[in-house]
Each structure stands twice: as structure tokens, then as C-alpha cells.
Amino acid sequence: MEGADIMNGPDEANGLRRTQQSDELRHVKSQQGRAILIGGTVALATVGVLAISLRYATDALRSRDALLAIVAMQPLAFFAIWIQGPRLSLLAGPPATAAAAFWANVLSSTVFMITPARISEAVKPIVLTMQTGLPLARGFAAIAVERLLDIGCLAILVGLTLGSVATEYSAEMRGSWVILLVLLLLGFGGISLASSRPKFAESLVRLVPTQRLRHAAIEVLEVLSRAGNWRQLRLPLLLSALSWAASYANWNILLAAIGGIALSPGEVLAVFVIGTLGLVVTVTPGGLGTYEGAIVVALGAFGYPFADALAIAILMRIATILPALPTTVWFLARSSIGLPDLLERLRQGPNLR
């Protein structure tokens, strides 16, 4: 009997291993199926919205030039998404990599279209933690600095718009500009305090009640100290500027291809800035409604009819999200990370360990 048990031991272990491998394979195939289903559904919805918007637009928007413009915009649209990967990895530091941060940003862009407000921002640190083991607290701190850089870029663009174009909404834009400047002052004030007075910051960390939260606070302090170093912040700042410049260039491509009312570079900048502000204040999935409404208001101020302005807003949305969709499907089909898993993690909330 003892000999039989010894002989059965390896067989049972091999059987258990095969069962585990089979379960893992089924899980991967399930994730692949979900990825294909999600990608196909989003693609069909995108095509449907495009067909409807072009049907009720003017001839200029229904022309082949408008569709060619969307195709021509894809390299810059992809570039604007891709370049945020290296930026996030620089802000978070090792073990985050540019590749992992790129995938995190792509998934966040997709989740943004199906979740309210800016909940999708949490996808980035969660994916970085799952892929590279980056401490979650450090990932969230890097996202905060990343948003601060974007606020700085947006504040500069709003200031340039106010200085170059006068619209009936200049007062509202001036109010937004003041809010952005206040946020910048508070954000960089905190970063400056953390980097210039490390002993004071460390004394505050020691006041944190539990060891787990203290560890999270130390990770946050590391990111803030890195952001306070101008030499280390120069490259993320440059990458931020390039991302915003690519998005602005796409607006010029679309409006130039459509023709109709000719807008100056400053007026195009105003449309771009107002649309972006519509995304910033949104509480709906993907900024649905607030983004299109802001674009309609901006273009209407320069003489565009309502139907044309709405069609242009929808075309711009489609052109912006198109690069993220196949990239997301490809990643989910090859990775053990699934979109349902990410949504469940978002529902549960962060666990800063």
C-alpha cells in the first residue's frame, strides 16, 4: 500500500497541475472573448454614431474630405496617447516602465468612455501595480502630478486664448483661468514644500497612525520629491506640451479639411480649449454631452450652424477614441488583465498597500 501511495503521489500532482493549467487557459480564453465582444460593441456603436452624425450634417461634413481628415488625424491622436506612457513612468519611477504606463493610459482612455466623472484615472495606478508591482500609493501620487502638469498646460492655453481672441464667453474663460491658476499654486506649493523641506515632510509622515498608511505616505513623498526636482521634471513637462500640441494640431486638420467658415489659429485654439474645459467639468461617462455642448457653443460663437457644430464635435470624439479601441482589444486579448477585473477593482476602491 505504501508503495502504491508513493507511485500515486506524482500522478496526483501531475493531475492537479494539469487541472490548474486548464483553468488558467479557460480564464485567458474567457478574457479574450470578453475583449472581442467589448471591442466589437464599441466599434459598432462608433460606426453608428458616425453614420447618424454625417446623415444630418451639411454636404461639407458628408464629403470624403471629412472621412479622410479622420484618417489623417490618427497618427497624431495615437501619438497624444502614446507619449503619456513615458511621462507617467518618469513621474512614478521604477519599477514602472514606459510600456506598462502606455497600456495603463490606453485602458484608462477606454474605461473613461464607460464610467462616470474621472473614475477611470484610477485604472492607471491599478494596472501599473498589476503589471509591474508599483506601489499603489506611488501610482496615485504620480497621477496627481500628471494632472497638475496638464492643468499647467491648459492654463497656458487659456491665457493664450484670452490674449488672442475675444468671444462672448471670455468672462467664463477668465474665471476658469483663475481657478486653474489657484490649483497650480496649491499643487506646486505642496510639491515645493515636500522637496525643499524633507525633514518637515518626514515628521508629518511619522504622525500617520498605522504602518501601512505610513508606507503609503512615504511612497507619495517620493513622487512629490521627484516632481520638485526641476531637472527630473523637465522631460515630463516637455512630453505634456507635445501631447497637447498634437491634440491642437488635430483640430486644425479637421476644420481645414471640412472647409466652410475659416478660423484663425487663435479661434481654433479657443474651440480646442473650450472643448477641453467641457471634458474637465464632466460627470458623465466620456464627457458625453458636456464635451459636445462645449464644442457646439464654441463653434457657434464663430458662426457655425448648430447641426454642423454638433457633427464636428462627434467627428472629433470619434477621431480621438479610435486609436485606443484596437489597442485596448489587442492588450486585453493577450493579457491576463481583463476589463471586468479592472471595473471590479474600481468598484471596490483603492487599497493603498
Protein backbone atom coordinates (compact mmCIF):
# COMPACT_ATOMS: atom_id res chain seq x y z
CA MET A 1 0.00 0.00 0.00
CA GLU A 2 2.80 2.38 0.88
CA GLY A 3 4.45 1.68 -2.49
CA ALA A 4 1.17 2.34 -4.29
CA ASP A 5 0.78 5.64 -2.43
CA ILE A 6 4.29 6.64 -3.42
CA MET A 7 3.55 5.79 -7.06
CA ASN A 8 0.21 7.66 -6.97
CA GLY A 9 1.77 10.79 -5.46
CA PRO A 10 3.43 12.05 -8.69
CA ASP A 11 0.33 11.15 -10.71
CA GLU A 12 -1.93 13.16 -8.40
CA ALA A 13 0.49 16.12 -8.51
CA ASN A 14 0.60 15.98 -12.31
CA GLY A 15 -3.17 15.79 -12.49
CA LEU A 16 -3.53 18.79 -10.18
CA ARG A 17 -1.03 20.74 -12.27
CA ARG A 18 -2.91 19.90 -15.48
CA THR A 19 -6.18 20.99 -13.87
CA GLN A 20 -4.66 24.32 -12.83
CA GLN A 21 -3.26 24.87 -16.31
CA SER A 22 -6.63 24.04 -17.82
CA ASP A 23 -8.36 26.55 -15.51
CA GLU A 24 -5.81 29.24 -16.43
CA LEU A 25 -6.32 28.54 -20.13
CA ARG A 26 -10.10 28.80 -19.77
CA HIS A 27 -9.65 32.10 -17.91
CA VAL A 28 -7.43 33.51 -20.67
CA LYS A 29 -9.88 32.40 -23.38
CA SER A 30 -12.74 33.95 -21.40
CA GLN A 31 -10.85 37.23 -21.21
CA GLN A 32 -10.14 37.07 -24.95
CA GLY A 33 -13.83 36.52 -25.68
CA ARG A 34 -14.81 39.44 -23.49
CA ALA A 35 -12.21 41.65 -25.15
CA ILE A 36 -13.52 40.79 -28.62
CA LEU A 37 -17.13 41.34 -27.52
CA ILE A 38 -16.38 44.70 -25.91
CA GLY A 39 -14.25 45.85 -28.83
CA GLY A 40 -16.86 44.80 -31.38
CA THR A 41 -19.69 46.51 -29.49
CA VAL A 42 -17.77 49.77 -29.16
CA ALA A 43 -16.73 49.65 -32.81
CA LEU A 44 -20.32 49.12 -34.00
CA ALA A 45 -21.55 51.94 -31.77
CA THR A 46 -18.83 54.22 -33.15
CA VAL A 47 -19.78 53.45 -36.74
CA GLY A 48 -23.46 54.01 -35.93
CA VAL A 49 -22.86 57.41 -34.36
CA LEU A 50 -20.66 58.41 -37.28
CA ALA A 51 -23.34 57.43 -39.81
CA ILE A 52 -26.06 59.34 -37.97
CA SER A 53 -23.97 62.47 -37.48
CA LEU A 54 -22.97 62.61 -41.15
CA ARG A 55 -26.52 61.99 -42.33
CA TYR A 56 -27.86 65.17 -40.75
CA ALA A 57 -24.80 67.36 -41.41
CA THR A 58 -24.18 69.65 -44.38
CA ASP A 59 -22.58 68.49 -47.61
CA ALA A 60 -19.13 69.61 -46.46
CA LEU A 61 -19.28 67.25 -43.48
CA ARG A 62 -20.65 64.40 -45.57
CA SER A 63 -17.86 64.72 -48.09
CA ARG A 64 -14.98 62.31 -48.45
CA ASP A 65 -12.64 65.03 -47.13
CA ALA A 66 -14.14 64.75 -43.64
CA LEU A 67 -13.51 60.99 -43.52
CA LEU A 68 -10.01 61.43 -44.92
CA ALA A 69 -9.37 64.02 -42.20
CA ILE A 70 -10.26 61.46 -39.52
CA VAL A 71 -7.79 59.03 -41.08
CA ALA A 72 -5.14 61.73 -41.29
CA MET A 73 -5.66 62.58 -37.62
CA GLN A 74 -4.96 59.06 -36.37
CA PRO A 75 -1.13 59.29 -36.16
CA LEU A 76 -1.29 62.43 -34.00
CA ALA A 77 -4.18 61.04 -31.96
CA PHE A 78 -2.18 57.89 -31.26
CA PHE A 79 0.92 59.97 -30.51
CA ALA A 80 -1.01 62.03 -27.95
CA ILE A 81 -1.95 58.79 -26.16
CA TRP A 82 1.41 57.06 -26.53
CA ILE A 83 3.53 59.93 -25.25
CA GLN A 84 1.66 59.91 -21.94
CA GLY A 85 3.18 56.49 -21.20
CA PRO A 86 6.79 57.70 -20.90
CA ARG A 87 5.56 60.73 -18.96
CA LEU A 88 3.74 58.62 -16.37
CA SER A 89 6.65 56.19 -15.99
CA LEU A 90 9.06 59.08 -15.37
CA LEU A 91 6.78 60.55 -12.71
CA ALA A 92 6.17 57.20 -10.97
CA GLY A 93 9.75 55.93 -11.16
CA PRO A 94 10.92 52.30 -11.14
CA PRO A 95 9.58 49.64 -11.42
CA ALA A 96 7.08 51.40 -13.70
CA THR A 97 8.09 51.19 -17.36
CA ALA A 98 7.09 53.30 -20.34
CA ALA A 99 5.42 50.28 -21.97
CA ALA A 100 3.35 49.41 -18.87
CA ALA A 101 2.39 53.07 -18.42
CA PHE A 102 1.31 53.24 -22.06
CA TRP A 103 -1.01 50.27 -21.66
CA ALA A 104 -2.33 51.75 -18.42
CA ASN A 105 -3.14 55.00 -20.23
CA VAL A 106 -4.81 53.19 -23.13
CA LEU A 107 -7.04 51.18 -20.79
CA SER A 108 -7.86 54.33 -18.82
CA SER A 109 -8.91 56.09 -22.04
CA THR A 110 -11.28 53.22 -22.86
CA VAL A 111 -12.71 52.93 -19.34
CA PHE A 112 -13.29 56.71 -19.36
CA MET A 113 -15.90 56.14 -22.07
CA ILE A 114 -17.99 53.83 -19.86
CA THR A 115 -17.53 55.20 -16.32
CA PRO A 116 -18.75 58.50 -14.83
CA ALA A 117 -16.63 61.51 -13.87
CA ARG A 118 -12.88 60.81 -13.80
CA ILE A 119 -13.05 57.42 -12.09
CA SER A 120 -11.03 55.99 -14.97
CA GLU A 121 -7.93 57.79 -13.66
CA ALA A 122 -7.68 55.07 -11.01
CA VAL A 123 -7.16 52.49 -13.79
CA LYS A 124 -3.61 53.74 -14.40
CA PRO A 125 -2.12 53.02 -10.95
CA ILE A 126 -4.10 49.78 -10.67
CA VAL A 127 -2.73 48.49 -14.00
CA LEU A 128 0.81 49.59 -13.11
CA THR A 129 0.52 47.73 -9.81
CA MET A 130 -0.79 44.59 -11.51
CA GLN A 131 1.85 44.68 -14.26
CA THR A 132 4.99 45.95 -12.54
CA GLY A 133 4.36 45.75 -8.80
CA LEU A 134 4.50 49.55 -8.43
CA PRO A 135 3.14 50.54 -5.00
CA LEU A 136 -0.41 51.75 -5.49
CA ALA A 137 0.09 54.89 -3.41
CA ARG A 138 3.01 55.95 -5.59
CA GLY A 139 0.91 55.37 -8.70
CA PHE A 140 -1.87 57.62 -7.42
CA ALA A 141 0.67 60.30 -6.47
CA ALA A 142 2.15 60.15 -9.98
CA ILE A 143 -1.34 60.58 -11.44
CA ALA A 144 -1.85 63.65 -9.25
CA VAL A 145 1.39 65.21 -10.54
CA GLU A 146 0.45 64.24 -14.08
CA ARG A 147 -2.87 66.06 -13.75
CA LEU A 148 -1.05 69.05 -12.30
CA LEU A 149 1.15 69.24 -15.41
CA ASP A 150 -1.95 69.08 -17.59
CA ILE A 151 -3.55 71.87 -15.56
CA GLY A 152 -0.44 73.94 -16.19
CA CYS A 153 -0.62 73.33 -19.95
CA LEU A 154 -4.34 74.10 -20.02
CA ALA A 155 -3.81 77.30 -18.02
CA ILE A 156 -1.22 78.46 -20.57
CA LEU A 157 -3.58 77.68 -23.46
CA VAL A 158 -6.49 79.50 -21.79
CA GLY A 159 -4.23 82.51 -21.23
CA LEU A 160 -3.14 82.47 -24.88
CA THR A 161 -6.77 82.25 -25.98
CA LEU A 162 -7.80 85.20 -23.82
CA GLY A 163 -4.92 87.22 -25.24
CA SER A 164 -5.62 86.45 -28.89
CA VAL A 165 -9.38 86.01 -29.31
CA ALA A 166 -12.34 87.89 -27.87
CA THR A 167 -15.59 85.90 -27.65
CA GLU A 168 -18.86 86.30 -25.81
CA TYR A 169 -17.61 83.65 -23.39
CA SER A 170 -14.37 85.38 -22.45
CA ALA A 171 -15.63 86.16 -18.95
CA GLU A 172 -16.34 82.48 -18.27
CA MET A 173 -12.94 81.51 -19.65
CA ARG A 174 -11.28 84.11 -17.45
CA GLY A 175 -12.99 82.60 -14.41
CA SER A 176 -11.78 79.13 -15.42
CA TRP A 177 -8.28 80.52 -15.89
CA VAL A 178 -8.25 81.89 -12.34
CA ILE A 179 -9.37 78.52 -10.95
CA LEU A 180 -6.63 76.72 -12.89
CA LEU A 181 -4.01 79.15 -11.57
CA VAL A 182 -5.18 78.61 -8.00
CA LEU A 183 -4.96 74.84 -8.43
CA LEU A 184 -1.47 75.21 -9.87
CA LEU A 185 -0.40 77.39 -6.95
CA LEU A 186 -1.72 74.91 -4.39
CA GLY A 187 -0.31 71.87 -6.19
CA PHE A 188 3.19 73.17 -6.80
CA GLY A 189 3.18 74.76 -3.37
CA GLY A 190 2.74 71.31 -1.84
CA ILE A 191 5.40 69.83 -4.12
CA SER A 192 7.81 72.64 -3.25
CA LEU A 193 7.23 72.08 0.47
CA ALA A 194 7.83 68.33 0.18
CA SER A 195 11.04 68.75 -1.84
CA SER A 196 12.56 71.79 -0.11
CA ARG A 197 11.82 70.75 3.47
CA PRO A 198 12.22 66.95 3.52
CA LYS A 199 12.70 66.75 7.30
CA PHE A 200 9.44 68.58 7.90
CA ALA A 201 7.67 66.27 5.43
CA GLU A 202 9.16 63.21 7.13
CA SER A 203 7.96 64.47 10.51
CA LEU A 204 4.44 64.69 9.11
CA VAL A 205 4.74 61.13 7.81
CA ARG A 206 5.66 59.90 11.30
CA LEU A 207 2.34 61.27 12.55
CA VAL A 208 0.40 58.88 10.31
CA PRO A 209 -1.27 56.37 12.69
CA THR A 210 -0.68 52.97 11.04
CA GLN A 211 2.37 51.42 9.43
CA ARG A 212 0.51 50.63 6.21
CA LEU A 213 -0.59 54.25 5.77
CA ARG A 214 2.87 55.48 6.72
CA HIS A 215 4.34 53.33 4.00
CA ALA A 216 1.83 54.78 1.52
CA ALA A 217 2.71 58.31 2.66
CA ILE A 218 6.41 57.59 2.10
CA GLU A 219 5.66 56.46 -1.47
CA VAL A 220 3.69 59.66 -2.09
CA LEU A 221 6.52 61.74 -0.63
CA GLU A 222 8.99 60.07 -3.02
CA VAL A 223 6.92 61.10 -6.05
CA LEU A 224 6.49 64.66 -4.77
CA SER A 225 10.21 64.99 -4.09
CA ARG A 226 10.99 63.81 -7.63
CA ALA A 227 8.49 66.30 -9.06
CA GLY A 228 10.13 69.09 -7.06
CA ASN A 229 13.44 68.48 -8.84
CA TRP A 230 13.44 70.72 -11.93
CA ARG A 231 15.93 68.54 -13.78
CA GLN A 232 13.72 65.49 -13.37
CA LEU A 233 10.55 67.43 -14.20
CA ARG A 234 11.77 68.99 -17.45
CA LEU A 235 11.20 65.91 -19.61
CA PRO A 236 7.66 65.19 -18.28
CA LEU A 237 6.85 68.85 -18.92
CA LEU A 238 8.10 68.57 -22.50
CA LEU A 239 6.10 65.38 -23.08
CA SER A 240 2.98 67.10 -21.72
CA ALA A 241 3.45 70.02 -24.10
CA LEU A 242 3.91 67.66 -27.07
CA SER A 243 0.73 65.75 -26.19
CA TRP A 244 -1.32 68.96 -26.02
CA ALA A 245 0.26 70.26 -29.23
CA ALA A 246 -0.71 67.06 -31.06
CA SER A 247 -4.33 67.40 -29.95
CA TYR A 248 -4.45 71.04 -31.05
CA ALA A 249 -2.92 70.14 -34.42
CA ASN A 250 -5.71 67.62 -34.99
CA TRP A 251 -8.32 70.34 -34.56
CA ASN A 252 -6.60 72.32 -37.30
CA ILE A 253 -6.56 69.25 -39.57
CA LEU A 254 -10.29 68.55 -39.11
CA LEU A 255 -11.52 72.12 -39.53
CA ALA A 256 -9.24 72.74 -42.52
CA ALA A 257 -10.46 69.56 -44.25
CA ILE A 258 -14.12 70.40 -43.72
CA GLY A 259 -13.74 73.93 -45.04
CA GLY A 260 -16.68 76.26 -44.67
CA ILE A 261 -16.05 79.02 -42.15
CA ALA A 262 -12.32 79.73 -41.97
CA LEU A 263 -11.00 80.07 -38.42
CA SER A 264 -7.72 81.66 -37.42
CA PRO A 265 -5.21 79.66 -35.32
CA GLY A 266 -6.36 81.61 -32.27
CA GLU A 267 -10.01 80.79 -32.94
CA VAL A 268 -9.18 77.10 -33.40
CA LEU A 269 -7.32 77.28 -30.10
CA ALA A 270 -10.43 78.75 -28.47
CA VAL A 271 -12.56 75.85 -29.74
CA PHE A 272 -9.95 73.35 -28.51
CA VAL A 273 -9.71 74.97 -25.08
CA ILE A 274 -13.46 75.30 -24.55
CA GLY A 275 -14.00 71.67 -25.57
CA THR A 276 -11.29 70.58 -23.15
CA LEU A 277 -12.92 72.55 -20.34
CA GLY A 278 -16.14 70.70 -21.17
CA LEU A 279 -14.31 67.43 -20.51
CA VAL A 280 -12.75 68.72 -17.29
CA VAL A 281 -16.06 69.57 -15.63
CA THR A 282 -17.92 66.46 -16.80
CA VAL A 283 -19.62 63.92 -14.55
CA THR A 284 -20.87 61.72 -17.40
CA PRO A 285 -19.08 58.74 -18.97
CA GLY A 286 -16.60 60.02 -21.53
CA GLY A 287 -17.77 63.58 -21.00
CA LEU A 288 -20.83 62.69 -23.05
CA GLY A 289 -22.91 65.80 -23.60
CA THR A 290 -20.67 68.31 -21.84
CA TYR A 291 -17.90 67.92 -24.42
CA GLU A 292 -20.22 68.13 -27.41
CA GLY A 293 -22.13 71.00 -25.82
CA ALA A 294 -18.93 72.97 -25.24
CA ILE A 295 -17.82 72.43 -28.84
CA VAL A 296 -21.23 73.50 -30.17
CA VAL A 297 -21.08 76.66 -28.05
CA ALA A 298 -17.52 77.46 -29.17
CA LEU A 299 -18.13 76.87 -32.87
CA GLY A 300 -21.47 78.66 -32.68
CA ALA A 301 -19.67 81.75 -31.41
CA PHE A 302 -17.72 81.78 -34.68
CA GLY A 303 -20.77 81.37 -36.91
CA TYR A 304 -21.14 77.59 -37.32
CA PRO A 305 -24.75 76.30 -37.53
CA PHE A 306 -25.86 74.03 -34.71
CA ALA A 307 -26.05 70.88 -36.85
CA ASP A 308 -22.58 71.39 -38.29
CA ALA A 309 -21.06 72.17 -34.90
CA LEU A 310 -22.60 69.04 -33.36
CA ALA A 311 -21.40 66.87 -36.25
CA ILE A 312 -17.88 68.29 -35.92
CA ALA A 313 -17.89 67.55 -32.17
CA ILE A 314 -18.93 63.94 -32.79
CA LEU A 315 -16.34 63.53 -35.54
CA MET A 316 -13.63 64.84 -33.25
CA ARG A 317 -14.69 62.45 -30.48
CA ILE A 318 -14.59 59.51 -32.88
CA ALA A 319 -11.20 60.52 -34.24
CA THR A 320 -9.85 60.86 -30.70
CA ILE A 321 -11.03 57.50 -29.34
CA LEU A 322 -10.33 55.41 -32.44
CA PRO A 323 -6.63 54.78 -31.65
CA ALA A 324 -7.44 53.47 -28.17
CA LEU A 325 -10.05 50.91 -29.22
CA PRO A 326 -8.00 48.37 -31.24
CA THR A 327 -5.06 48.87 -28.88
CA THR A 328 -7.26 48.04 -25.89
CA VAL A 329 -8.69 44.95 -27.59
CA TRP A 330 -5.20 43.74 -28.53
CA PHE A 331 -3.93 44.21 -24.97
CA LEU A 332 -6.90 42.52 -23.29
CA ALA A 333 -6.70 39.59 -25.72
CA ARG A 334 -3.04 38.97 -24.82
CA SER A 335 -3.05 39.84 -21.13
CA SER A 336 -4.38 38.13 -18.03
CA ILE A 337 -5.81 41.51 -17.02
CA GLY A 338 -9.46 41.79 -18.00
CA LEU A 339 -11.67 44.84 -18.31
CA PRO A 340 -14.28 43.30 -15.96
CA ASP A 341 -11.49 42.78 -13.39
CA LEU A 342 -10.48 46.44 -13.67
CA LEU A 343 -14.07 47.63 -13.28
CA GLU A 344 -14.44 45.44 -10.20
CA ARG A 345 -11.25 46.91 -8.70
CA LEU A 346 -12.61 50.40 -9.38
CA ARG A 347 -15.88 49.49 -7.68
CA GLN A 348 -14.07 48.19 -4.61
CA GLY A 349 -11.90 51.30 -4.36
CA PRO A 350 -8.13 51.57 -3.82
CA ASN A 351 -6.34 49.60 -1.14
CA LEU A 352 -3.13 51.53 -0.52
CA ARG A 353 -0.68 48.83 0.44
